[in-house]
């Protein structure tokens, strides 16, 4: 028996210079994203420990073809905290390089963004977060 759908959302994907494609996606609990990709094909399941990681699994499938997901969770500086992950990562922090994340920095992981230039690949996101944590650690040590 299939788990119950928690929420149905619209996800926009885009390839640079092309029109946006709007997809209906289903979020199941806090650990499954279901989406028909390529458009018109069978629905695929992306399972992970939380919804942010489900999104990243989907992104890894579409990025080699030049597509990007236009949502907050695909911005290079966005990543959920461990506590947010415990709740499924419905919300994530938009980090400023090397700065502590504040409540005002919380975004809805699947909220849309308009411009393909504001999102990145999973690899670029990982690179930003590595630089962020290295800078954060450096600043923390210099303040002691």
C-alpha atoms as a PDB file:
ATOM      1  CA  UNK A   1       0.000   0.000   0.000  1.00  0.00           C
ATOM      2  CA  UNK A   2       1.311   3.463  -0.959  1.00  0.00           C
ATOM      3  CA  UNK A   3       1.964   5.951   1.857  1.00  0.00           C
ATOM      4  CA  UNK A   4      -0.449   8.863   2.067  1.00  0.00           C
ATOM      5  CA  UNK A   5       0.310  12.011   0.046  1.00  0.00           C
ATOM      6  CA  UNK A   6       1.205  14.828   2.428  1.00  0.00           C
ATOM      7  CA  UNK A   7       1.160  17.688  -0.064  1.00  0.00           C
ATOM      8  CA  UNK A   8       0.902  18.307  -3.804  1.00  0.00           C
ATOM      9  CA  UNK A   9       3.148  21.116  -5.041  1.00  0.00           C
ATOM     10  CA  UNK A  10       4.164  22.738  -8.322  1.00  0.00           C
ATOM     11  CA  UNK A  11       7.850  22.484  -9.162  1.00  0.00           C
ATOM     12  CA  UNK A  12       9.244  24.520 -12.027  1.00  0.00           C
ATOM     13  CA  UNK A  13      12.249  23.222 -13.912  1.00  0.00           C
ATOM     14  CA  UNK A  14      14.124  25.080 -16.611  1.00  0.00           C
ATOM     15  CA  UNK A  15      17.043  24.745 -18.958  1.00  0.00           C
ATOM     16  CA  UNK A  16      18.942  28.004 -19.622  1.00  0.00           C
ATOM     17  CA  UNK A  17      17.365  29.902 -22.513  1.00  0.00           C
ATOM     18  CA  UNK A  18      14.257  27.684 -22.556  1.00  0.00           C
ATOM     19  CA  UNK A  19      10.729  28.074 -21.197  1.00  0.00           C
ATOM     20  CA  UNK A  20       9.947  26.921 -17.656  1.00  0.00           C
ATOM     21  CA  UNK A  21       8.277  23.542 -17.324  1.00  0.00           C
ATOM     22  CA  UNK A  22       5.766  23.246 -14.479  1.00  0.00           C
ATOM     23  CA  UNK A  23       5.566  19.827 -12.857  1.00  0.00           C
ATOM     24  CA  UNK A  24       3.132  18.534 -10.297  1.00  0.00           C
ATOM     25  CA  UNK A  25       5.070  16.849  -7.519  1.00  0.00           C
ATOM     26  CA  UNK A  26       3.849  14.932  -4.505  1.00  0.00           C
ATOM     27  CA  UNK A  27       5.519  15.078  -1.128  1.00  0.00           C
ATOM     28  CA  UNK A  28       4.901  11.896   0.833  1.00  0.00           C
ATOM     29  CA  UNK A  29       5.573  12.105   4.537  1.00  0.00           C
ATOM     30  CA  UNK A  30       8.994  13.586   5.154  1.00  0.00           C
ATOM     31  CA  UNK A  31      11.052  11.248   3.008  1.00  0.00           C
ATOM     32  CA  UNK A  32       9.623  10.866  -0.523  1.00  0.00           C
ATOM     33  CA  UNK A  33       9.238  13.118  -3.552  1.00  0.00           C
ATOM     34  CA  UNK A  34       7.171  11.755  -6.435  1.00  0.00           C
ATOM     35  CA  UNK A  35       7.345  13.396  -9.857  1.00  0.00           C
ATOM     36  CA  UNK A  36       6.781  12.353 -13.472  1.00  0.00           C
ATOM     37  CA  UNK A  37      10.098  12.953 -15.223  1.00  0.00           C
ATOM     38  CA  UNK A  38      10.637  13.263 -18.097  1.00  0.00           C
ATOM     39  CA  UNK A  39       7.323  15.057 -18.562  1.00  0.00           C
ATOM     40  CA  UNK A  40       4.566  12.613 -19.483  1.00  0.00           C
ATOM     41  CA  UNK A  41       6.469   9.566 -18.285  1.00  0.00           C
ATOM     42  CA  UNK A  42       5.828   7.287 -15.340  1.00  0.00           C
ATOM     43  CA  UNK A  43       5.976   8.866 -11.918  1.00  0.00           C
ATOM     44  CA  UNK A  44       9.354   8.389 -10.242  1.00  0.00           C
ATOM     45  CA  UNK A  45      10.026   8.159  -6.515  1.00  0.00           C
ATOM     46  CA  UNK A  46      12.946   9.941  -4.886  1.00  0.00           C
ATOM     47  CA  UNK A  47      13.448   8.636  -1.367  1.00  0.00           C
ATOM     48  CA  UNK A  48      15.866   9.989   1.227  1.00  0.00           C
ATOM     49  CA  UNK A  49      16.171  10.846   4.911  1.00  0.00           C
ATOM     50  CA  UNK A  50      14.329  14.167   4.421  1.00  0.00           C
ATOM     51  CA  UNK A  51      12.597  16.185   1.694  1.00  0.00           C
ATOM     52  CA  UNK A  52      15.640  18.381   1.025  1.00  0.00           C
ATOM     53  CA  UNK A  53      17.661  15.254   0.177  1.00  0.00           C
ATOM     54  CA  UNK A  54      14.749  13.952  -1.957  1.00  0.00           C
ATOM     55  CA  UNK A  55      14.904  17.224  -3.890  1.00  0.00           C
ATOM     56  CA  UNK A  56      18.671  16.829  -4.297  1.00  0.00           C
ATOM     57  CA  UNK A  57      18.171  13.259  -5.604  1.00  0.00           C
ATOM     58  CA  UNK A  58      15.739  14.577  -8.250  1.00  0.00           C
ATOM     59  CA  UNK A  59      18.148  17.405  -9.116  1.00  0.00           C
ATOM     60  CA  UNK A  60      20.975  14.889  -9.680  1.00  0.00           C
ATOM     61  CA  UNK A  61      18.788  13.166 -12.303  1.00  0.00           C
ATOM     62  CA  UNK A  62      17.878  16.307 -14.273  1.00  0.00           C
ATOM     63  CA  UNK A  63      21.072  18.382 -13.955  1.00  0.00           C
ATOM     64  CA  UNK A  64      23.182  16.365 -16.450  1.00  0.00           C
ATOM     65  CA  UNK A  65      20.662  17.449 -19.147  1.00  0.00           C
ATOM     66  CA  UNK A  66      21.054  21.119 -18.166  1.00  0.00           C
ATOM     67  CA  UNK A  67      17.806  21.415 -16.179  1.00  0.00           C
ATOM     68  CA  UNK A  68      17.564  23.244 -12.859  1.00  0.00           C
ATOM     69  CA  UNK A  69      14.762  23.199 -10.284  1.00  0.00           C
ATOM     70  CA  UNK A  70      13.513  26.715  -9.561  1.00  0.00           C
ATOM     71  CA  UNK A  71      12.916  26.515  -5.822  1.00  0.00           C
ATOM     72  CA  UNK A  72      14.519  27.807  -2.632  1.00  0.00           C
ATOM     73  CA  UNK A  73      16.093  24.434  -1.840  1.00  0.00           C
ATOM     74  CA  UNK A  74      18.108  24.624  -5.080  1.00  0.00           C
ATOM     75  CA  UNK A  75      19.754  27.963  -4.269  1.00  0.00           C
ATOM     76  CA  UNK A  76      23.496  27.541  -3.648  1.00  0.00           C
ATOM     77  CA  UNK A  77      23.360  28.937  -0.098  1.00  0.00           C
ATOM     78  CA  UNK A  78      20.288  27.025   1.128  1.00  0.00           C
ATOM     79  CA  UNK A  79      20.559  24.050   3.466  1.00  0.00           C
ATOM     80  CA  UNK A  80      18.414  22.821   6.370  1.00  0.00           C
ATOM     81  CA  UNK A  81      19.690  22.614   9.920  1.00  0.00           C
ATOM     82  CA  UNK A  82      19.884  19.244  11.679  1.00  0.00           C
ATOM     83  CA  UNK A  83      16.745  20.183  13.636  1.00  0.00           C
ATOM     84  CA  UNK A  84      14.876  21.076  10.419  1.00  0.00           C
ATOM     85  CA  UNK A  85      15.988  17.755   8.932  1.00  0.00           C
ATOM     86  CA  UNK A  86      14.455  15.940  11.912  1.00  0.00           C
ATOM     87  CA  UNK A  87      11.129  17.499  10.896  1.00  0.00           C
ATOM     88  CA  UNK A  88      11.515  16.520   7.244  1.00  0.00           C
ATOM     89  CA  UNK A  89      13.356  19.671   6.080  1.00  0.00           C
ATOM     90  CA  UNK A  90      10.224  21.508   4.991  1.00  0.00           C
ATOM     91  CA  UNK A  91      12.204  24.652   5.858  1.00  0.00           C
ATOM     92  CA  UNK A  92      15.861  25.441   5.240  1.00  0.00           C
ATOM     93  CA  UNK A  93      18.229  28.276   6.006  1.00  0.00           C
ATOM     94  CA  UNK A  94      19.490  30.733   3.406  1.00  0.00           C
ATOM     95  CA  UNK A  95      23.045  31.095   4.681  1.00  0.00           C
ATOM     96  CA  UNK A  96      25.274  34.164   4.400  1.00  0.00           C
ATOM     97  CA  UNK A  97      28.883  33.039   3.928  1.00  0.00           C
ATOM     98  CA  UNK A  98      30.474  32.383   7.321  1.00  0.00           C
ATOM     99  CA  UNK A  99      27.591  33.905   9.309  1.00  0.00           C
ATOM    100  CA  UNK A 100      25.366  32.123  11.824  1.00  0.00           C
ATOM    101  CA  UNK A 101      21.886  31.380  10.476  1.00  0.00           C
ATOM    102  CA  UNK A 102      19.031  33.244  12.126  1.00  0.00           C
ATOM    103  CA  UNK A 103      15.303  32.583  12.232  1.00  0.00           C
ATOM    104  CA  UNK A 104      14.792  35.390   9.683  1.00  0.00           C
ATOM    105  CA  UNK A 105      16.942  33.348   7.254  1.00  0.00           C
ATOM    106  CA  UNK A 106      14.443  30.450   7.124  1.00  0.00           C
ATOM    107  CA  UNK A 107      12.821  29.730   3.751  1.00  0.00           C
ATOM    108  CA  UNK A 108      10.301  27.115   2.646  1.00  0.00           C
ATOM    109  CA  UNK A 109      12.421  24.490   0.871  1.00  0.00           C
ATOM    110  CA  UNK A 110       9.989  24.072  -2.054  1.00  0.00           C
ATOM    111  CA  UNK A 111       8.907  27.722  -2.470  1.00  0.00           C
ATOM    112  CA  UNK A 112       9.501  28.869  -6.044  1.00  0.00           C
ATOM    113  CA  UNK A 113      12.211  31.220  -7.252  1.00  0.00           C
ATOM    114  CA  UNK A 114      11.735  33.063 -10.524  1.00  0.00           C
ATOM    115  CA  UNK A 115      15.182  33.185 -12.058  1.00  0.00           C
ATOM    116  CA  UNK A 116      17.343  30.243 -13.136  1.00  0.00           C
ATOM    117  CA  UNK A 117      20.415  32.364 -12.275  1.00  0.00           C
ATOM    118  CA  UNK A 118      19.486  32.180  -8.567  1.00  0.00           C
ATOM    119  CA  UNK A 119      19.757  28.371  -8.398  1.00  0.00           C
ATOM    120  CA  UNK A 120      22.710  26.040  -8.753  1.00  0.00           C
ATOM    121  CA  UNK A 121      23.671  22.434  -9.231  1.00  0.00           C
ATOM    122  CA  UNK A 122      23.960  20.078  -6.271  1.00  0.00           C
ATOM    123  CA  UNK A 123      27.751  20.213  -6.687  1.00  0.00           C
ATOM    124  CA  UNK A 124      27.792  24.032  -6.618  1.00  0.00           C
ATOM    125  CA  UNK A 125      25.567  23.954  -3.539  1.00  0.00           C
ATOM    126  CA  UNK A 126      27.937  21.536  -1.812  1.00  0.00           C
ATOM    127  CA  UNK A 127      30.897  23.786  -2.714  1.00  0.00           C
ATOM    128  CA  UNK A 128      29.173  26.842  -1.235  1.00  0.00           C
ATOM    129  CA  UNK A 129      28.314  25.018   1.990  1.00  0.00           C
ATOM    130  CA  UNK A 130      31.912  23.754   2.376  1.00  0.00           C
ATOM    131  CA  UNK A 131      33.183  27.334   1.976  1.00  0.00           C
ATOM    132  CA  UNK A 132      30.487  28.597   4.364  1.00  0.00           C
ATOM    133  CA  UNK A 133      31.416  26.166   7.144  1.00  0.00           C
ATOM    134  CA  UNK A 134      35.162  26.750   6.679  1.00  0.00           C
ATOM    135  CA  UNK A 135      34.621  30.524   6.930  1.00  0.00           C
ATOM    136  CA  UNK A 136      32.238  30.070   9.882  1.00  0.00           C
ATOM    137  CA  UNK A 137      34.850  27.996  11.732  1.00  0.00           C
ATOM    138  CA  UNK A 138      37.595  30.521  10.950  1.00  0.00           C
ATOM    139  CA  UNK A 139      35.472  33.416  12.278  1.00  0.00           C
ATOM    140  CA  UNK A 140      34.490  31.458  15.384  1.00  0.00           C
ATOM    141  CA  UNK A 141      38.161  30.771  16.235  1.00  0.00           C
ATOM    142  CA  UNK A 142      39.171  34.394  15.671  1.00  0.00           C
ATOM    143  CA  UNK A 143      36.459  35.593  18.086  1.00  0.00           C
ATOM    144  CA  UNK A 144      37.758  33.487  20.992  1.00  0.00           C
END
